[in-house]
């Protein structure tokens, strides 16, 4: 029996690469009174993506970009930093293998009630957790 990747491991791998490449904090739960700018990662879905030779799952993740209010320029800059940071592959524990890491686009840019700018960017991660044998 093959073990699928746990969501905690996926979130941790995303947080590590984002924080390393952007220098900004990437939360999985936003602490009370956290000050902008920062990123927030939320897994929103998981579906099978098996092939003839591999067991694999496709994880859907929303990355939230929170920037100071006022001009939209800072949120655009943080979006660009996030996109550039996720051009590097996330690092997964053994025996999992990252097959594909794809940005699905900007879902929304808005202003929060706090006055902060907030963007949501979608990503999909296809991860293999074993070979199929006959």
N, C-alpha and C. Protein backbone atom coordinates (compact mmCIF):
# COMPACT_ATOMS: atom_id res chain seq x y z
N UNK A 1 0.84 -1.19 0.00
CA UNK A 1 0.00 0.00 0.00
C UNK A 1 0.87 1.24 0.00
N UNK A 2 0.58 2.16 -0.89
CA UNK A 2 1.34 3.40 -0.99
C UNK A 2 0.69 4.47 -0.11
N UNK A 3 1.53 5.31 0.46
CA UNK A 3 1.05 6.38 1.33
C UNK A 3 1.05 7.69 0.55
N UNK A 4 -0.11 8.37 0.56
CA UNK A 4 -0.21 9.65 -0.12
C UNK A 4 0.46 10.73 0.72
N UNK A 5 0.87 11.80 0.03
CA UNK A 5 1.50 12.93 0.70
C UNK A 5 0.50 13.61 1.63
N UNK A 6 0.92 13.89 2.85
CA UNK A 6 0.07 14.60 3.80
C UNK A 6 0.02 16.09 3.48
N UNK A 7 -1.09 16.71 3.77
CA UNK A 7 -1.25 18.14 3.49
C UNK A 7 -0.26 18.99 4.28
N UNK A 8 0.09 18.56 5.48
CA UNK A 8 1.05 19.30 6.29
C UNK A 8 2.40 19.36 5.58
N UNK A 9 2.83 18.24 4.99
CA UNK A 9 4.10 18.21 4.27
C UNK A 9 4.07 19.12 3.04
N UNK A 10 2.95 19.14 2.34
CA UNK A 10 2.82 20.00 1.16
C UNK A 10 2.88 21.47 1.57
N UNK A 11 2.10 21.85 2.56
CA UNK A 11 2.08 23.25 3.01
C UNK A 11 3.46 23.68 3.49
N UNK A 12 4.12 22.81 4.24
CA UNK A 12 5.46 23.13 4.74
C UNK A 12 6.44 23.36 3.59
N UNK A 13 6.39 22.53 2.56
CA UNK A 13 7.28 22.67 1.41
C UNK A 13 7.03 24.00 0.68
N UNK A 14 5.76 24.38 0.55
CA UNK A 14 5.42 25.64 -0.10
C UNK A 14 5.90 26.82 0.74
N UNK A 15 5.65 26.75 2.05
CA UNK A 15 6.09 27.83 2.94
C UNK A 15 7.60 28.02 2.87
N UNK A 16 8.34 26.93 2.88
CA UNK A 16 9.80 27.02 2.85
C UNK A 16 10.31 27.75 1.61
N UNK A 17 9.80 27.38 0.44
CA UNK A 17 10.32 27.98 -0.79
C UNK A 17 9.89 29.44 -0.90
N UNK A 18 8.67 29.75 -0.49
CA UNK A 18 8.19 31.14 -0.57
C UNK A 18 8.98 32.03 0.39
N UNK A 19 9.15 31.58 1.63
CA UNK A 19 9.88 32.39 2.61
C UNK A 19 11.34 32.55 2.22
N UNK A 20 11.96 31.49 1.71
CA UNK A 20 13.36 31.56 1.30
C UNK A 20 13.55 32.51 0.13
N UNK A 21 12.67 32.43 -0.87
CA UNK A 21 12.86 33.21 -2.09
C UNK A 21 12.32 34.64 -2.02
N UNK A 22 11.38 34.93 -1.11
CA UNK A 22 10.81 36.28 -1.06
C UNK A 22 11.29 37.08 0.15
N UNK A 23 11.68 36.37 1.21
CA UNK A 23 12.06 37.06 2.45
C UNK A 23 10.87 37.48 3.28
N UNK A 24 9.66 37.14 2.84
CA UNK A 24 8.44 37.46 3.58
C UNK A 24 7.89 36.22 4.25
N UNK A 25 7.15 36.41 5.30
CA UNK A 25 6.54 35.30 6.04
C UNK A 25 5.40 34.69 5.23
N UNK A 26 5.27 33.38 5.27
CA UNK A 26 4.18 32.65 4.61
C UNK A 26 3.47 31.83 5.68
N UNK A 27 2.25 32.22 6.00
CA UNK A 27 1.49 31.58 7.07
C UNK A 27 0.56 30.50 6.52
N UNK A 28 0.22 29.54 7.39
CA UNK A 28 -0.87 28.60 7.09
C UNK A 28 -2.09 28.97 7.92
N UNK A 29 -1.89 29.79 8.93
CA UNK A 29 -2.97 30.37 9.73
C UNK A 29 -2.50 31.76 10.12
N UNK A 30 -3.26 32.76 9.77
CA UNK A 30 -2.83 34.13 10.00
C UNK A 30 -3.01 34.48 11.48
N UNK A 31 -1.91 34.86 12.16
CA UNK A 31 -2.05 35.25 13.56
C UNK A 31 -2.80 36.57 13.69
N UNK A 32 -3.44 36.75 14.81
CA UNK A 32 -4.18 37.98 15.09
C UNK A 32 -3.20 39.16 15.03
N UNK A 33 -3.59 40.20 14.36
CA UNK A 33 -2.81 41.43 14.22
C UNK A 33 -1.50 41.23 13.46
N UNK A 34 -1.44 40.26 12.56
CA UNK A 34 -0.25 40.10 11.71
C UNK A 34 -0.15 41.32 10.79
N UNK A 35 1.04 41.87 10.69
CA UNK A 35 1.18 43.08 9.88
C UNK A 35 1.65 42.73 8.46
N UNK A 36 1.06 43.42 7.51
CA UNK A 36 1.41 43.23 6.10
C UNK A 36 2.79 43.81 5.85
N UNK A 37 3.50 43.28 4.88
CA UNK A 37 3.12 42.28 3.89
C UNK A 37 3.44 40.86 4.35
N UNK A 38 2.64 39.92 3.85
CA UNK A 38 2.90 38.50 4.09
C UNK A 38 2.10 37.68 3.09
N UNK A 39 2.40 36.39 3.07
CA UNK A 39 1.68 35.43 2.22
C UNK A 39 0.94 34.45 3.12
N UNK A 40 -0.11 33.86 2.55
CA UNK A 40 -0.91 32.88 3.27
C UNK A 40 -1.22 31.75 2.29
N UNK A 41 -0.98 30.51 2.70
CA UNK A 41 -1.20 29.36 1.82
C UNK A 41 -2.42 28.57 2.33
N UNK A 42 -3.30 28.19 1.39
CA UNK A 42 -4.48 27.40 1.74
C UNK A 42 -4.70 26.32 0.68
N UNK A 43 -4.72 25.07 1.11
CA UNK A 43 -5.02 23.96 0.21
C UNK A 43 -6.54 23.94 0.04
N UNK A 44 -6.99 24.00 -1.21
CA UNK A 44 -8.43 24.07 -1.47
C UNK A 44 -9.00 22.83 -2.15
N UNK A 45 -8.11 21.91 -2.56
CA UNK A 45 -8.64 20.71 -3.19
C UNK A 45 -7.56 19.68 -3.45
N UNK A 46 -8.03 18.45 -3.68
CA UNK A 46 -7.16 17.33 -4.01
C UNK A 46 -7.97 16.36 -4.85
N UNK A 47 -7.37 15.92 -5.95
CA UNK A 47 -8.06 14.95 -6.81
C UNK A 47 -7.04 13.98 -7.38
N UNK A 48 -7.48 12.79 -7.75
CA UNK A 48 -6.55 11.83 -8.33
C UNK A 48 -6.09 12.28 -9.71
N UNK A 49 -4.85 11.98 -10.02
CA UNK A 49 -4.29 12.28 -11.34
C UNK A 49 -3.43 11.13 -11.81
N UNK A 50 -3.89 9.91 -11.54
CA UNK A 50 -3.11 8.71 -11.83
C UNK A 50 -2.84 8.57 -13.33
N UNK A 51 -1.72 7.94 -13.63
CA UNK A 51 -1.39 7.61 -15.01
C UNK A 51 -1.29 6.08 -15.10
N UNK A 52 -0.89 5.58 -16.27
CA UNK A 52 -0.74 4.14 -16.42
C UNK A 52 0.41 3.60 -15.59
N UNK A 53 1.37 4.46 -15.27
CA UNK A 53 2.57 3.99 -14.59
C UNK A 53 2.76 4.53 -13.17
N UNK A 54 1.99 5.57 -12.78
CA UNK A 54 2.21 6.19 -11.47
C UNK A 54 0.91 6.44 -10.72
N UNK A 55 1.02 6.34 -9.39
CA UNK A 55 -0.04 6.80 -8.50
C UNK A 55 0.29 8.26 -8.22
N UNK A 56 -0.64 9.16 -8.47
CA UNK A 56 -0.36 10.57 -8.22
C UNK A 56 -1.65 11.33 -7.95
N UNK A 57 -1.47 12.42 -7.22
CA UNK A 57 -2.59 13.29 -6.87
C UNK A 57 -2.28 14.70 -7.34
N UNK A 58 -3.35 15.46 -7.60
CA UNK A 58 -3.21 16.87 -7.97
C UNK A 58 -3.82 17.69 -6.84
N UNK A 59 -2.99 18.54 -6.25
CA UNK A 59 -3.41 19.40 -5.14
C UNK A 59 -3.64 20.81 -5.68
N UNK A 60 -4.77 21.40 -5.32
CA UNK A 60 -5.07 22.77 -5.68
C UNK A 60 -4.81 23.65 -4.46
N UNK A 61 -4.03 24.71 -4.67
CA UNK A 61 -3.61 25.58 -3.57
C UNK A 61 -3.88 27.02 -3.96
N UNK A 62 -4.43 27.79 -3.02
CA UNK A 62 -4.57 29.23 -3.21
C UNK A 62 -3.52 29.93 -2.37
N UNK A 63 -2.77 30.79 -3.02
CA UNK A 63 -1.78 31.62 -2.34
C UNK A 63 -2.38 33.02 -2.20
N UNK A 64 -2.44 33.50 -0.97
CA UNK A 64 -2.97 34.84 -0.69
C UNK A 64 -1.80 35.79 -0.49
N UNK A 65 -1.87 36.93 -1.13
CA UNK A 65 -0.85 37.97 -1.01
C UNK A 65 -1.51 39.13 -0.26
N UNK A 66 -0.95 39.49 0.88
CA UNK A 66 -1.49 40.59 1.67
C UNK A 66 -0.45 41.71 1.68
N UNK A 67 -0.87 42.90 1.22
CA UNK A 67 0.04 44.05 1.15
C UNK A 67 -0.58 45.24 1.86
N UNK A 68 0.27 46.20 2.19
CA UNK A 68 -0.23 47.44 2.80
C UNK A 68 -1.24 48.11 1.88
N UNK A 69 -2.16 48.86 2.48
CA UNK A 69 -3.18 49.56 1.71
C UNK A 69 -2.62 50.74 0.94
N UNK A 70 -3.52 51.46 0.30
CA UNK A 70 -3.11 52.59 -0.52
C UNK A 70 -2.97 52.17 -1.97
N UNK A 71 -1.82 52.43 -2.52
CA UNK A 71 -1.55 52.10 -3.92
C UNK A 71 -1.59 50.59 -4.16
N UNK A 72 -1.93 50.21 -5.38
CA UNK A 72 -1.93 48.80 -5.76
C UNK A 72 -0.55 48.30 -6.16
N UNK A 73 0.40 49.20 -6.32
CA UNK A 73 1.74 48.83 -6.78
C UNK A 73 2.38 47.79 -5.85
N UNK A 74 2.35 47.97 -4.51
CA UNK A 74 2.99 46.96 -3.66
C UNK A 74 2.40 45.55 -3.84
N UNK A 75 1.09 45.42 -3.95
CA UNK A 75 0.50 44.09 -4.11
C UNK A 75 0.95 43.47 -5.43
N UNK A 76 1.08 44.28 -6.48
CA UNK A 76 1.57 43.76 -7.75
C UNK A 76 3.01 43.28 -7.63
N UNK A 77 3.82 44.03 -6.89
CA UNK A 77 5.21 43.64 -6.69
C UNK A 77 5.31 42.34 -5.90
N UNK A 78 4.47 42.17 -4.88
CA UNK A 78 4.49 40.94 -4.07
C UNK A 78 3.96 39.75 -4.88
N UNK A 79 3.01 40.01 -5.77
CA UNK A 79 2.53 38.95 -6.67
C UNK A 79 3.69 38.48 -7.55
N UNK A 80 4.42 39.43 -8.11
CA UNK A 80 5.55 39.08 -8.97
C UNK A 80 6.61 38.31 -8.20
N UNK A 81 6.89 38.72 -6.96
CA UNK A 81 7.86 38.00 -6.13
C UNK A 81 7.40 36.56 -5.89
N UNK A 82 6.10 36.39 -5.60
CA UNK A 82 5.56 35.06 -5.36
C UNK A 82 5.68 34.20 -6.61
N UNK A 83 5.28 34.76 -7.76
CA UNK A 83 5.36 34.01 -9.01
C UNK A 83 6.81 33.59 -9.31
N UNK A 84 7.74 34.50 -9.09
CA UNK A 84 9.14 34.17 -9.33
C UNK A 84 9.65 33.13 -8.34
N UNK A 85 9.21 33.22 -7.09
CA UNK A 85 9.68 32.25 -6.08
C UNK A 85 9.17 30.85 -6.39
N UNK A 86 7.98 30.75 -6.96
CA UNK A 86 7.42 29.44 -7.26
C UNK A 86 7.76 28.95 -8.67
N UNK A 87 8.74 29.60 -9.31
CA UNK A 87 9.31 29.00 -10.51
C UNK A 87 10.33 27.93 -10.12
N UNK A 88 10.80 28.00 -8.86
CA UNK A 88 11.64 26.93 -8.31
C UNK A 88 10.71 25.82 -7.81
N UNK A 89 11.10 24.58 -8.00
CA UNK A 89 10.29 23.45 -7.54
C UNK A 89 10.30 23.36 -6.02
N UNK A 90 9.15 23.02 -5.44
CA UNK A 90 9.10 22.76 -4.01
C UNK A 90 9.87 21.48 -3.73
N UNK A 91 10.41 21.36 -2.53
CA UNK A 91 11.18 20.18 -2.15
C UNK A 91 10.33 19.30 -1.24
N UNK A 92 10.06 18.09 -1.69
CA UNK A 92 9.21 17.15 -0.96
C UNK A 92 10.05 16.08 -0.28
N UNK A 93 9.54 15.53 0.82
CA UNK A 93 10.26 14.43 1.47
C UNK A 93 10.21 13.17 0.60
N UNK A 94 11.17 12.28 0.81
CA UNK A 94 11.18 10.99 0.11
C UNK A 94 9.99 10.18 0.59
N UNK A 95 9.36 9.41 -0.21
CA UNK A 95 9.63 9.01 -1.58
C UNK A 95 8.81 9.80 -2.60
N UNK A 96 8.25 10.94 -2.22
CA UNK A 96 7.35 11.68 -3.09
C UNK A 96 8.13 12.42 -4.18
N UNK A 97 7.49 12.54 -5.34
CA UNK A 97 8.13 13.20 -6.47
C UNK A 97 7.19 14.23 -7.06
N UNK A 98 7.68 15.45 -7.19
CA UNK A 98 6.91 16.52 -7.82
C UNK A 98 6.94 16.30 -9.33
N UNK A 99 5.79 16.13 -9.94
CA UNK A 99 5.69 15.91 -11.38
C UNK A 99 5.46 17.23 -12.10
N UNK A 100 4.58 18.07 -11.52
CA UNK A 100 4.23 19.33 -12.18
C UNK A 100 3.83 20.36 -11.13
N UNK A 101 4.28 21.58 -11.35
CA UNK A 101 3.95 22.71 -10.47
C UNK A 101 3.51 23.84 -11.39
N UNK A 102 2.21 24.19 -11.36
CA UNK A 102 1.66 25.11 -12.34
C UNK A 102 0.86 26.22 -11.68
N UNK A 103 1.09 27.44 -12.12
CA UNK A 103 0.25 28.56 -11.69
C UNK A 103 -1.01 28.54 -12.54
N UNK A 104 -2.17 28.66 -11.90
CA UNK A 104 -3.43 28.68 -12.64
C UNK A 104 -3.97 30.10 -12.82
N UNK A 105 -3.26 31.09 -12.27
CA UNK A 105 -3.61 32.48 -12.52
C UNK A 105 -4.12 33.21 -11.29
N UNK A 106 -4.26 34.52 -11.47
CA UNK A 106 -4.78 35.37 -10.40
C UNK A 106 -6.29 35.23 -10.38
N UNK A 107 -6.82 34.83 -9.23
CA UNK A 107 -8.26 34.66 -9.09
C UNK A 107 -8.96 35.97 -8.76
N UNK A 108 -8.29 36.79 -7.93
CA UNK A 108 -8.96 38.00 -7.46
C UNK A 108 -7.95 38.95 -6.84
N UNK A 109 -8.17 40.25 -7.03
CA UNK A 109 -7.43 41.29 -6.31
C UNK A 109 -8.50 42.20 -5.70
N UNK A 110 -8.39 42.42 -4.39
CA UNK A 110 -9.41 43.21 -3.70
C UNK A 110 -8.79 44.02 -2.59
N UNK A 111 -9.61 44.84 -1.96
CA UNK A 111 -9.18 45.57 -0.77
C UNK A 111 -9.96 45.02 0.42
N UNK A 112 -9.24 44.57 1.44
CA UNK A 112 -9.87 44.03 2.64
C UNK A 112 -10.49 45.15 3.47
N UNK A 113 -11.40 44.80 4.38
CA UNK A 113 -11.99 45.81 5.28
C UNK A 113 -10.94 46.55 6.12
N UNK A 114 -9.76 45.93 6.31
CA UNK A 114 -8.67 46.55 7.07
C UNK A 114 -7.94 47.60 6.24
N UNK A 115 -8.26 47.70 4.94
CA UNK A 115 -7.57 48.63 4.06
C UNK A 115 -6.40 48.00 3.33
N UNK A 116 -6.06 46.77 3.67
CA UNK A 116 -4.95 46.08 3.02
C UNK A 116 -5.38 45.56 1.64
N UNK A 117 -4.42 45.52 0.72
CA UNK A 117 -4.67 44.92 -0.59
C UNK A 117 -4.48 43.42 -0.47
N UNK A 118 -5.33 42.65 -1.17
CA UNK A 118 -5.36 41.20 -1.02
C UNK A 118 -5.54 40.59 -2.41
N UNK A 119 -4.59 39.73 -2.79
CA UNK A 119 -4.68 39.03 -4.07
C UNK A 119 -4.68 37.53 -3.79
N UNK A 120 -5.39 36.79 -4.63
CA UNK A 120 -5.43 35.33 -4.53
C UNK A 120 -4.95 34.75 -5.86
N UNK A 121 -3.93 33.88 -5.76
CA UNK A 121 -3.32 33.28 -6.94
C UNK A 121 -3.40 31.76 -6.79
N UNK A 122 -3.87 31.09 -7.82
CA UNK A 122 -4.04 29.64 -7.78
C UNK A 122 -2.81 28.89 -8.30
N UNK A 123 -2.57 27.74 -7.69
CA UNK A 123 -1.49 26.84 -8.11
C UNK A 123 -1.99 25.41 -8.06
N UNK A 124 -1.42 24.56 -8.91
CA UNK A 124 -1.67 23.12 -8.85
C UNK A 124 -0.33 22.40 -8.77
N UNK A 125 -0.30 21.38 -7.91
CA UNK A 125 0.90 20.57 -7.72
C UNK A 125 0.52 19.12 -7.97
N UNK A 126 1.14 18.50 -8.98
CA UNK A 126 0.92 17.07 -9.24
C UNK A 126 2.08 16.32 -8.58
N UNK A 127 1.71 15.40 -7.69
CA UNK A 127 2.71 14.70 -6.90
C UNK A 127 2.51 13.19 -7.02
N UNK A 128 3.60 12.50 -7.34
CA UNK A 128 3.59 11.05 -7.45
C UNK A 128 3.96 10.44 -6.11
N UNK A 129 3.26 9.37 -5.76
CA UNK A 129 3.59 8.68 -4.50
C UNK A 129 3.84 7.19 -4.72
N UNK A 130 4.13 6.79 -5.94
CA UNK A 130 4.50 5.40 -6.18
C UNK A 130 4.26 4.96 -7.62
N UNK A 131 4.96 3.91 -8.00
CA UNK A 131 4.80 3.35 -9.32
C UNK A 131 3.74 2.25 -9.31
N UNK A 132 2.98 2.17 -10.39
CA UNK A 132 1.99 1.10 -10.52
C UNK A 132 2.68 -0.12 -11.09
N UNK A 133 2.38 -1.26 -10.56
CA UNK A 133 3.00 -2.51 -11.02
C UNK A 133 1.91 -3.46 -11.51
N UNK A 134 2.25 -4.27 -12.49
CA UNK A 134 1.29 -5.26 -12.99
C UNK A 134 1.74 -6.63 -12.61
